[in-house]
Protein backbone atom coordinates (compact mmCIF):
# COMPACT_ATOMS: atom_id res chain seq x y z
CA MET A 1 -279.64 -115.33 71.02
CA SER A 2 -276.39 -113.55 70.32
CA PHE A 3 -276.12 -110.07 68.87
CA SER A 4 -274.77 -111.45 65.58
CA ASP A 5 -277.74 -113.85 65.35
CA LEU A 6 -280.11 -110.93 65.87
CA PHE A 7 -278.35 -108.96 63.13
CA ASP A 8 -278.43 -111.94 60.77
CA SER A 9 -282.13 -112.47 61.46
CA GLU A 10 -282.96 -108.81 60.81
CA PHE A 11 -280.84 -108.85 57.65
CA LYS A 12 -282.67 -111.94 56.38
CA GLN A 13 -286.07 -110.37 57.11
CA ARG A 14 -285.09 -107.22 55.18
CA ASN A 15 -283.94 -109.33 52.25
CA LYS A 16 -287.18 -111.32 52.28
CA GLY A 17 -289.19 -108.10 52.33
CA HIS A 18 -287.18 -106.69 49.43
CA PHE A 19 -287.47 -109.91 47.44
CA SER A 20 -291.22 -110.17 48.06
CA SER A 21 -291.61 -106.58 46.80
CA ILE A 22 -289.86 -107.53 43.60
CA VAL A 23 -292.01 -110.64 43.22
CA ARG A 24 -295.16 -108.50 43.64
CA LEU A 25 -293.88 -106.19 40.94
CA ALA A 26 -293.04 -109.08 38.61
CA LEU A 27 -296.55 -110.47 39.12
CA ALA A 28 -298.24 -107.11 38.44
CA ASP A 29 -299.03 -108.23 34.89
CA GLY A 30 -300.24 -111.64 36.09
CA VAL A 31 -297.39 -113.85 34.84
CA PHE A 32 -293.63 -114.32 35.09
CA ALA A 33 -291.85 -113.82 31.79
CA PRO A 34 -288.86 -116.17 31.40
CA GLU A 35 -286.53 -113.16 31.80
CA GLU A 36 -288.28 -112.17 35.02
CA LYS A 37 -287.94 -115.70 36.41
CA GLU A 38 -284.24 -115.74 35.52
CA PHE A 39 -283.76 -112.36 37.22
CA LEU A 40 -285.61 -113.56 40.33
CA ASP A 41 -283.51 -116.72 40.48
CA LYS A 42 -280.28 -114.69 40.42
CA LEU A 43 -281.59 -112.12 42.87
CA ALA A 44 -282.67 -114.83 45.32
CA ILE A 45 -279.10 -116.11 45.39
CA ARG A 46 -277.71 -112.60 45.88
CA LEU A 47 -280.17 -111.91 48.71
CA GLU A 48 -279.52 -115.32 50.31
CA ILE A 49 -283.11 -116.49 49.89
CA SER A 50 -283.32 -120.27 50.35
CA GLN A 51 -285.31 -122.49 47.98
CA ALA A 52 -287.98 -122.98 50.66
CA GLU A 53 -288.22 -119.22 51.29
CA TYR A 54 -288.30 -118.61 47.53
CA ALA A 55 -291.26 -120.98 47.12
CA GLU A 56 -293.04 -119.46 50.13
CA ILE A 57 -292.59 -115.91 48.79
CA LEU A 58 -293.78 -116.89 45.31
CA GLU A 59 -296.89 -118.42 46.87
CA ASN A 60 -297.68 -115.38 49.02
CA PRO A 61 -295.52 -112.32 48.18
CA SER A 62 -297.60 -110.05 50.42
CA LYS A 63 -296.54 -111.96 53.53
CA TYR A 64 -293.43 -109.88 54.07
CA PRO A 65 -293.62 -106.12 54.65
CA ILE A 66 -291.60 -103.57 52.74
CA ASN A 67 -288.85 -102.37 55.09
CA PRO A 68 -287.66 -98.96 53.94
CA PRO A 69 -283.92 -98.47 54.16
CA TYR A 70 -282.70 -95.55 56.21
CA LEU A 71 -279.88 -94.51 53.88
CA TYR A 72 -280.68 -92.90 50.54
CA ALA A 73 -278.02 -95.00 48.76
CA GLN A 74 -279.71 -98.18 50.01
CA ARG A 75 -283.07 -96.90 48.75
CA LEU A 76 -281.49 -96.35 45.36
CA GLU A 77 -280.05 -99.86 45.33
CA ARG A 78 -283.50 -101.29 46.00
CA LEU A 79 -285.00 -99.03 43.35
CA TYR A 80 -282.39 -100.33 40.91
CA ASP A 81 -283.53 -103.92 41.51
CA LEU A 82 -287.19 -102.92 41.24
CA ALA A 83 -286.67 -100.96 38.01
CA ARG A 84 -284.70 -103.84 36.50
CA ILE A 85 -287.55 -106.30 37.10
CA VAL A 86 -289.98 -103.90 35.42
CA ASN A 87 -287.62 -103.49 32.49
CA VAL A 88 -286.54 -107.12 32.13
CA ASP A 89 -289.45 -108.23 29.95
CA HIS A 90 -289.60 -104.90 28.09
CA VAL A 91 -293.35 -104.75 28.60
CA LEU A 92 -294.16 -101.89 30.92
CA GLY A 93 -297.82 -102.26 31.58
CA ASP A 94 -299.77 -99.70 33.55
CA ASN A 95 -299.91 -102.06 36.53
CA GLN A 96 -296.14 -102.40 36.65
CA GLU A 97 -295.50 -98.66 36.60
CA VAL A 98 -298.18 -98.04 39.23
CA MET A 99 -296.75 -100.85 41.36
CA LEU A 100 -293.22 -99.46 40.95
CA LYS A 101 -294.41 -96.05 42.16
CA LYS A 102 -296.16 -97.63 45.16
CA LEU A 103 -293.11 -99.67 46.08
CA SER A 104 -290.90 -96.61 45.61
CA LEU A 105 -293.07 -94.75 48.10
CA GLY A 106 -292.87 -97.78 50.37
CA ILE A 107 -289.07 -97.75 50.38
CA GLY A 108 -288.97 -94.10 51.31
CA PHE A 109 -289.24 -91.83 48.27
CA THR A 110 -291.68 -88.96 48.63
CA THR A 111 -294.86 -88.23 46.71
CA GLU A 112 -293.25 -84.99 45.52
CA ASN A 113 -290.45 -86.76 43.67
CA VAL A 114 -291.68 -90.30 42.99
CA ASP A 115 -292.75 -89.60 39.39
CA LEU A 116 -289.36 -88.12 38.50
CA ILE A 117 -287.46 -90.79 40.42
CA VAL A 118 -289.34 -93.64 38.73
CA ALA A 119 -289.07 -92.11 35.25
CA THR A 120 -285.34 -91.51 35.68
CA ALA A 121 -284.76 -94.99 37.10
CA LEU A 122 -286.60 -96.67 34.23
CA SER A 123 -284.70 -94.56 31.70
CA LEU A 124 -281.34 -95.50 33.20
CA VAL A 125 -282.19 -99.18 33.41
CA ASP A 126 -283.43 -99.10 29.81
CA LYS A 127 -280.01 -97.72 28.85
CA LYS A 128 -278.42 -100.71 30.66
CA ALA A 129 -276.79 -98.56 33.37
CA ASP A 130 -274.86 -100.61 35.90
CA LEU A 131 -275.41 -100.06 39.60
CA ASP A 132 -272.57 -97.53 39.96
CA ASP A 133 -273.80 -95.37 37.07
CA PHE A 134 -277.37 -95.70 38.32
CA LEU A 135 -276.39 -94.48 41.80
CA THR A 136 -274.36 -91.58 40.40
CA GLU A 137 -277.18 -90.36 38.16
CA MET A 138 -279.94 -90.90 40.68
CA GLN A 139 -278.12 -89.02 43.42
CA LYS A 140 -278.43 -85.91 41.26
CA HIS A 141 -282.18 -86.06 42.03
CA GLU A 142 -281.74 -86.31 45.80
């Protein structure tokens, strides 16, 4: 196996882990809203998740571990995706917020700042912040 194949394989595994985290979050209320499904479809394309992988992850989203990114900016990008899936159906149930906090801890945020980070992320996403604005505002809480 070449070095580039190893990198591609690791990249794919990270993407699958990230996507499965988002699927778990979307399923926290027990169903996919049409907006959530649409978001997942677009995200799967962006993360290069094949149709077979998509179906496998939907069937068992806990199969892939959360792989926390090393860089803070990458953590924020993942948080942006996670917060958007919570916000997409505009129904923030207790399970979704709890799940978002757990996943935020899983991707590397600390227990000391997770409440503030999640509240700020949800507020920004609710205001329709794009990724650049989200990153700029969230880095103020680093």
